[in-house]
Protein backbone atom coordinates (compact mmCIF):
# COMPACT_ATOMS: atom_id res chain seq x y z
CA UNK A 1 99.05 95.54 110.92
CA UNK A 2 96.43 96.63 108.42
CA UNK A 3 97.46 98.97 105.63
CA UNK A 4 97.04 102.65 106.50
CA UNK A 5 94.45 104.36 104.29
CA UNK A 6 96.04 107.50 102.83
CA UNK A 7 93.57 110.17 101.72
CA UNK A 8 94.99 112.95 99.55
CA UNK A 9 92.65 115.84 100.36
CA UNK A 10 92.27 117.94 97.23
CA UNK A 11 89.30 119.64 98.88
CA UNK A 12 88.62 122.90 97.09
CA UNK A 13 92.21 123.41 95.97
CA UNK A 14 90.98 123.24 92.37
CA UNK A 15 89.56 126.76 92.96
CA UNK A 16 86.38 125.81 91.10
CA UNK A 17 88.29 124.79 87.96
CA UNK A 18 87.36 121.28 86.72
CA UNK A 19 90.54 120.93 84.69
CA UNK A 20 92.61 121.76 87.77
CA UNK A 21 90.60 119.15 89.70
CA UNK A 22 91.62 116.56 87.12
CA UNK A 23 95.28 117.54 87.53
CA UNK A 24 94.92 117.01 91.27
CA UNK A 25 93.57 113.50 90.60
CA UNK A 26 96.63 112.68 88.51
CA UNK A 27 98.99 114.13 91.12
CA UNK A 28 97.37 112.10 93.92
CA UNK A 29 97.67 108.93 91.85
CA UNK A 30 101.31 109.60 91.02
CA UNK A 31 102.07 110.21 94.71
CA UNK A 32 100.64 106.79 95.59
CA UNK A 33 97.64 107.88 97.67
CA UNK A 34 94.76 105.45 98.12
CA UNK A 35 92.05 108.10 97.73
CA UNK A 36 91.74 111.57 96.32
CA UNK A 37 89.08 113.51 98.21
CA UNK A 38 87.10 116.58 97.23
CA UNK A 39 84.46 118.70 98.96
CA UNK A 40 80.92 118.85 97.58
CA UNK A 41 78.51 121.64 98.44
CA UNK A 42 75.88 124.03 97.28
CA UNK A 43 77.31 127.01 99.14
CA UNK A 44 73.86 128.64 99.53
CA UNK A 45 72.72 125.59 101.53
CA UNK A 46 75.80 125.63 103.75
CA UNK A 47 76.60 129.28 104.49
CA UNK A 48 74.45 132.22 105.49
CA UNK A 49 75.19 135.42 103.61
CA UNK A 50 75.95 136.94 107.02
CA UNK A 51 78.53 134.29 108.00
CA UNK A 52 82.03 135.71 108.52
CA UNK A 53 85.18 134.07 107.18
CA UNK A 54 87.62 132.30 109.47
CA UNK A 55 90.72 134.23 110.48
CA UNK A 56 92.98 132.03 108.34
CA UNK A 57 90.63 132.57 105.37
CA UNK A 58 90.88 136.34 105.82
CA UNK A 59 94.62 136.05 105.36
CA UNK A 60 94.49 133.91 102.22
CA UNK A 61 91.50 135.34 100.30
CA UNK A 62 90.00 138.70 99.39
CA UNK A 63 89.11 140.53 102.59
CA UNK A 64 86.11 142.30 101.11
CA UNK A 65 84.30 139.12 100.01
CA UNK A 66 81.99 137.17 102.32
CA UNK A 67 82.46 133.52 103.24
CA UNK A 68 79.54 132.68 100.93
CA UNK A 69 81.06 134.52 97.99
CA UNK A 70 84.42 132.89 98.64
CA UNK A 71 82.89 129.42 98.61
CA UNK A 72 80.81 130.12 95.52
CA UNK A 73 84.03 130.92 93.69
CA UNK A 74 85.96 127.82 94.73
CA UNK A 75 83.34 125.04 94.57
CA UNK A 76 82.62 122.93 91.53
CA UNK A 77 79.01 122.70 90.36
CA UNK A 78 77.25 119.56 91.60
CA UNK A 79 77.07 118.21 88.05
CA UNK A 80 80.89 117.89 87.93
CA UNK A 81 81.18 115.15 90.54
CA UNK A 82 79.90 112.21 88.48
CA UNK A 83 82.41 112.86 85.64
CA UNK A 84 85.12 113.54 88.23
CA UNK A 85 84.42 110.15 89.81
CA UNK A 86 84.66 108.56 86.35
CA UNK A 87 87.96 110.33 85.75
CA UNK A 88 89.29 108.91 89.03
CA UNK A 89 88.22 105.42 87.94
CA UNK A 90 90.03 105.86 84.64
CA UNK A 91 93.18 106.87 86.53
CA UNK A 92 92.84 103.96 88.97
CA UNK A 93 92.57 105.99 92.14
CA UNK A 94 89.57 105.83 94.46
CA UNK A 95 87.30 108.87 94.58
CA UNK A 96 85.75 110.31 97.71
CA UNK A 97 84.08 113.62 98.41
CA UNK A 98 82.79 115.18 101.60
CA UNK A 99 79.23 116.49 101.37
CA UNK A 100 78.46 119.68 103.28
CA UNK A 101 74.67 119.73 102.83
CA UNK A 102 71.79 117.30 102.36
CA UNK A 103 71.48 117.87 98.61
CA UNK A 104 75.15 117.06 98.15
CA UNK A 105 74.60 113.74 99.93
CA UNK A 106 71.96 112.91 97.31
CA UNK A 107 74.38 113.85 94.51
CA UNK A 108 77.19 111.67 95.85
CA UNK A 109 75.14 108.65 96.94
CA UNK A 110 74.79 107.10 93.45
CA UNK A 111 78.53 107.36 92.78
CA UNK A 112 79.41 104.30 94.86
CA UNK A 113 81.99 105.70 97.23
CA UNK A 114 83.71 103.28 99.64
CA UNK A 115 82.80 105.39 102.65
CA UNK A 116 81.34 108.72 103.71
CA UNK A 117 83.62 111.38 105.11
CA UNK A 118 81.97 113.60 107.72
CA UNK A 119 83.87 116.87 108.27
CA UNK A 120 84.45 118.38 111.68
CA UNK A 121 81.94 121.17 111.09
CA UNK A 122 79.04 118.74 110.67
CA UNK A 123 79.58 116.81 113.90
CA UNK A 124 76.72 118.77 115.53
CA UNK A 125 74.42 118.69 112.46
CA UNK A 126 71.67 116.27 113.51
CA UNK A 127 69.72 116.08 110.19
CA UNK A 128 72.99 115.57 108.31
CA UNK A 129 74.22 112.81 110.63
CA UNK A 130 70.89 110.99 110.42
CA UNK A 131 70.89 111.06 106.63
CA UNK A 132 74.45 109.75 106.40
CA UNK A 133 73.77 106.98 108.92
CA UNK A 134 70.66 105.78 107.12
CA UNK A 135 72.75 105.01 104.04
CA UNK A 136 74.25 102.13 106.09
CA UNK A 137 77.73 102.61 104.65
CA UNK A 138 81.10 103.03 106.42
CA UNK A 139 81.83 106.47 107.85
CA UNK A 140 85.04 108.34 108.63
CA UNK A 141 84.35 111.32 110.86
CA UNK A 142 86.74 114.15 111.70
CA UNK A 143 86.54 115.49 115.25
CA UNK A 144 88.05 118.96 115.10
CA UNK A 145 86.59 121.62 117.41
CA UNK A 146 84.91 118.92 119.52
CA UNK A 147 85.23 117.34 122.94
CA UNK A 148 84.36 113.80 124.02
CA UNK A 149 80.79 114.81 124.76
CA UNK A 150 80.26 116.18 121.25
CA UNK A 151 81.73 113.04 119.73
CA UNK A 152 79.69 110.73 121.94
CA UNK A 153 76.50 112.52 120.93
CA UNK A 154 77.35 112.28 117.23
CA UNK A 155 78.21 108.60 117.51
CA UNK A 156 74.89 107.95 119.23
CA UNK A 157 73.05 109.56 116.31
CA UNK A 158 74.99 107.41 113.85
CA UNK A 159 74.44 104.15 115.73
CA UNK A 160 70.79 104.92 116.55
CA UNK A 161 70.19 105.36 112.84
CA UNK A 162 71.68 102.17 111.54
CA UNK A 163 75.47 102.17 111.77
CA UNK A 164 77.50 99.78 113.88
CA UNK A 165 80.78 100.67 115.58
CA UNK A 166 82.83 98.57 113.15
CA UNK A 167 81.67 100.87 110.34
CA UNK A 168 82.97 104.02 112.02
CA UNK A 169 86.45 105.52 112.11
CA UNK A 170 87.18 108.70 114.07
CA UNK A 171 89.89 111.08 112.92
CA UNK A 172 91.59 113.22 115.51
CA UNK A 173 91.81 116.68 114.02
CA UNK A 174 92.48 120.33 114.78
CA UNK A 175 90.52 122.82 112.68
CA UNK A 176 93.12 125.52 112.17
CA UNK A 177 95.03 125.98 108.92
CA UNK A 178 97.88 125.44 109.49
CA UNK A 179 97.61 123.89 112.95
CA UNK A 180 100.27 125.09 115.44
CA UNK A 181 102.30 122.13 116.66
CA UNK A 182 101.47 122.92 120.28
CA UNK A 183 97.76 122.49 119.48
CA UNK A 184 98.02 119.11 117.74
CA UNK A 185 97.45 117.13 120.96
CA UNK A 186 98.11 113.86 119.16
CA UNK A 187 97.72 111.72 122.25
CA UNK A 188 94.00 112.51 122.10
CA UNK A 189 93.81 110.13 119.14
CA UNK A 190 94.53 107.28 121.56
CA UNK A 191 91.89 108.65 123.92
CA UNK A 192 89.30 108.40 121.13
CA UNK A 193 90.16 104.75 120.54
CA UNK A 194 90.02 103.91 124.24
CA UNK A 195 86.84 105.90 124.89
CA UNK A 196 84.77 104.68 121.96
CA UNK A 197 86.32 101.38 120.87
CA UNK A 198 86.50 102.33 117.19
CA UNK A 199 89.30 102.64 114.66
CA UNK A 200 91.07 105.97 114.75
CA UNK A 201 93.18 108.08 112.43
CA UNK A 202 94.41 111.61 111.96
CA UNK A 203 93.39 114.46 109.69
CA UNK A 204 96.52 116.57 109.52
CA UNK A 205 96.44 120.35 109.06
CA UNK A 206 100.01 121.00 110.23
CA UNK A 207 102.80 122.02 107.89
CA UNK A 208 105.05 119.18 106.79
CA UNK A 209 104.61 115.43 107.19
CA UNK A 210 106.17 114.56 110.55
CA UNK A 211 102.98 114.70 112.62
CA UNK A 212 101.21 112.36 110.20
CA UNK A 213 104.10 109.93 110.52
CA UNK A 214 103.91 110.13 114.30
CA UNK A 215 100.19 109.38 114.11
CA UNK A 216 100.88 106.26 112.05
CA UNK A 217 103.44 105.14 114.63
CA UNK A 218 100.78 105.63 117.32
CA UNK A 219 98.25 103.43 115.53
CA UNK A 220 96.37 105.63 113.04
CA UNK A 221 94.52 103.51 110.47
CA UNK A 222 93.69 106.52 108.26
CA UNK A 223 95.75 109.60 107.38
CA UNK A 224 94.13 112.53 105.62
CA UNK A 225 96.30 115.38 104.34
CA UNK A 226 95.52 118.42 102.19
CA UNK A 227 97.56 118.81 99.03
CA UNK A 228 97.76 121.27 96.17
CA UNK A 229 99.64 121.69 92.93
CA UNK A 230 101.14 124.96 94.19
CA UNK A 231 101.02 126.41 97.70
CA UNK A 232 101.11 129.91 96.22
CA UNK A 233 97.79 129.58 94.38
CA UNK A 234 94.97 131.84 95.63
CA UNK A 235 92.43 130.20 97.93
CA UNK A 236 91.91 129.43 101.61
CA UNK A 237 93.63 126.03 101.93
CA UNK A 238 96.69 126.12 99.68
CA UNK A 239 99.06 127.53 102.29
CA UNK A 240 98.37 124.62 104.66
CA UNK A 241 98.68 121.95 101.93
CA UNK A 242 101.46 119.71 100.69
CA UNK A 243 102.76 120.05 97.16
CA UNK A 244 102.90 116.85 95.05
CA UNK A 245 106.51 115.94 95.85
CA UNK A 246 105.79 116.31 99.58
CA UNK A 247 102.66 114.18 99.27
CA UNK A 248 104.70 111.49 97.54
CA UNK A 249 107.24 111.61 100.37
CA UNK A 250 104.45 111.25 102.93
CA UNK A 251 103.07 108.18 101.16
CA UNK A 252 106.51 106.58 100.83
CA UNK A 253 107.32 107.26 104.48
CA UNK A 254 104.07 105.73 105.70
CA UNK A 255 104.64 102.61 103.60
CA UNK A 256 108.18 102.37 104.99
CA UNK A 257 106.80 102.62 108.54
CA UNK A 258 104.28 99.86 107.86
CA UNK A 259 107.12 97.54 106.88
CA UNK A 260 109.24 98.65 109.83
CA UNK A 261 106.57 97.90 112.45
CA UNK A 262 107.03 94.18 111.74
CA UNK A 263 106.34 91.66 114.48
CA UNK A 264 106.20 92.00 118.28
CA UNK A 265 108.58 89.03 118.49
CA UNK A 266 112.20 90.05 119.11
CA UNK A 267 114.34 87.79 116.95
CA UNK A 268 117.31 87.81 114.61
CA UNK A 269 116.12 89.10 111.25
CA UNK A 270 116.96 87.49 107.95
CA UNK A 271 118.95 90.53 106.79
CA UNK A 272 121.13 90.82 109.90
CA UNK A 273 121.85 87.13 110.42
CA UNK A 274 124.76 87.22 107.96
CA UNK A 275 126.43 89.95 110.06
CA UNK A 276 126.51 88.02 113.32
CA UNK A 277 129.90 86.48 112.59
CA UNK A 278 131.34 89.85 111.58
CA UNK A 279 129.96 91.95 114.44
CA UNK A 280 129.99 89.55 117.39
CA UNK A 281 133.10 88.28 119.18
CA UNK A 282 134.68 85.02 120.25
CA UNK A 283 137.30 83.80 122.72
CA UNK A 284 140.69 84.52 121.17
CA UNK A 285 144.25 83.63 122.21
CA UNK A 286 145.77 86.83 123.66
CA UNK A 287 149.26 85.32 123.35
CA UNK A 288 150.75 82.09 122.01
CA UNK A 289 149.35 79.20 124.06
CA UNK A 290 151.04 75.79 124.27
CA UNK A 291 149.19 72.49 124.28
CA UNK A 292 148.48 71.46 127.88
CA UNK A 293 148.47 74.98 129.29
CA UNK A 294 145.45 76.20 131.20
CA UNK A 295 143.25 78.93 129.73
CA UNK A 296 143.43 81.99 132.00
CA UNK A 297 142.45 85.63 132.15
CA UNK A 298 145.98 86.45 130.97
CA UNK A 299 146.15 84.29 127.86
CA UNK A 300 142.56 84.78 126.63
CA UNK A 301 140.85 87.83 125.19
CA UNK A 302 137.67 88.71 123.29
CA UNK A 303 137.78 89.79 119.64
CA UNK A 304 135.95 89.47 116.37
CA UNK A 305 134.94 87.32 114.47
CA UNK A 306 132.01 85.73 116.20
CA UNK A 307 132.19 82.20 114.80
CA UNK A 308 134.09 80.72 117.73
CA UNK A 309 133.33 80.12 121.41
CA UNK A 310 131.01 82.80 122.81
CA UNK A 311 132.56 85.17 125.35
CA UNK A 312 129.53 84.39 127.51
CA UNK A 313 131.31 81.05 128.22
CA UNK A 314 134.46 82.78 129.54
CA UNK A 315 134.08 81.40 133.08
CA UNK A 316 133.51 77.85 131.81
CA UNK A 317 136.60 77.93 129.58
CA UNK A 318 138.87 79.44 132.25
CA UNK A 319 140.92 76.64 133.82
CA UNK A 320 140.36 74.20 130.97
CA UNK A 321 143.41 72.64 129.25
CA UNK A 322 144.44 73.75 125.78
CA UNK A 323 143.97 70.75 123.46
CA UNK A 324 146.63 72.04 121.02
CA UNK A 325 148.96 74.93 120.37
CA UNK A 326 147.27 78.28 119.63
CA UNK A 327 148.93 81.25 118.02
CA UNK A 328 148.16 84.80 119.19
CA UNK A 329 144.83 86.04 117.73
CA UNK A 330 143.70 82.50 116.83
CA UNK A 331 140.19 81.35 117.76
CA UNK A 332 140.24 79.20 120.89
CA UNK A 333 138.82 75.70 120.49
CA UNK A 334 138.12 72.96 123.02
């Protein structure tokens, strides 16, 4: 099994503060994540001044401000991303950021990211999809708020403009923060793999870590999870994010699962082999048995340890002649 890519989604949980963004980098590294991911945008190119906020945003931000004003306050300026990438390099964690507009793509392109992350909201953005595809680099695309038809159309744009299927990973996703468990629909991740023949993963907006772990058990190759330094900070995404200790537990649990998946071959493992003698059983004298007596159902029993004759040979031993005297509880020998 290939190693699961774990993306610690810092997003905009820095609240527009570059120093807080740096602290998120350090926290993601300490938790053991493979990538720390941010969100890059010029809000004026992404959001109309008439666009309303999402319901969950209304509950976590100032009600009187518009979506545009909210995003202006929590996004870093575009000039911060090159030094932020350098800071990630210095801390030995891979940097990634999701662009939300065409100018942001141009800002991120020279930074040498390993892949492009397409968010759920851009899956119907034709100019955006074309521009990403024409960079001819791997893509991970979230699929929240979409059906198979939407995804098929987006994939066609990507492949018509230069990508091949092996370069694309689809993340099953639900775009609600936090996602109710009854809306996760995790089996749809398998449907994506079967329908489109690409690698799949899961972008998790639920509370806790158990759904991410279930996704790994079901074959996710990528897990993306929002995290923050403090869930009580102001901003739209903090309430649906893990804190650093929870992120670390998620990473450790995924790595444990990877080891536990092992091989499809059912065999005695190296660690348990030493316990076979202790836990299995052998044919044992139920009473004192004299040399020359026959072994019977009355003078034999089954007990530990397991280093004698296997109880599976009971019928073959029954009726045989005892080659010597056996004391009660002694291993039977032939």
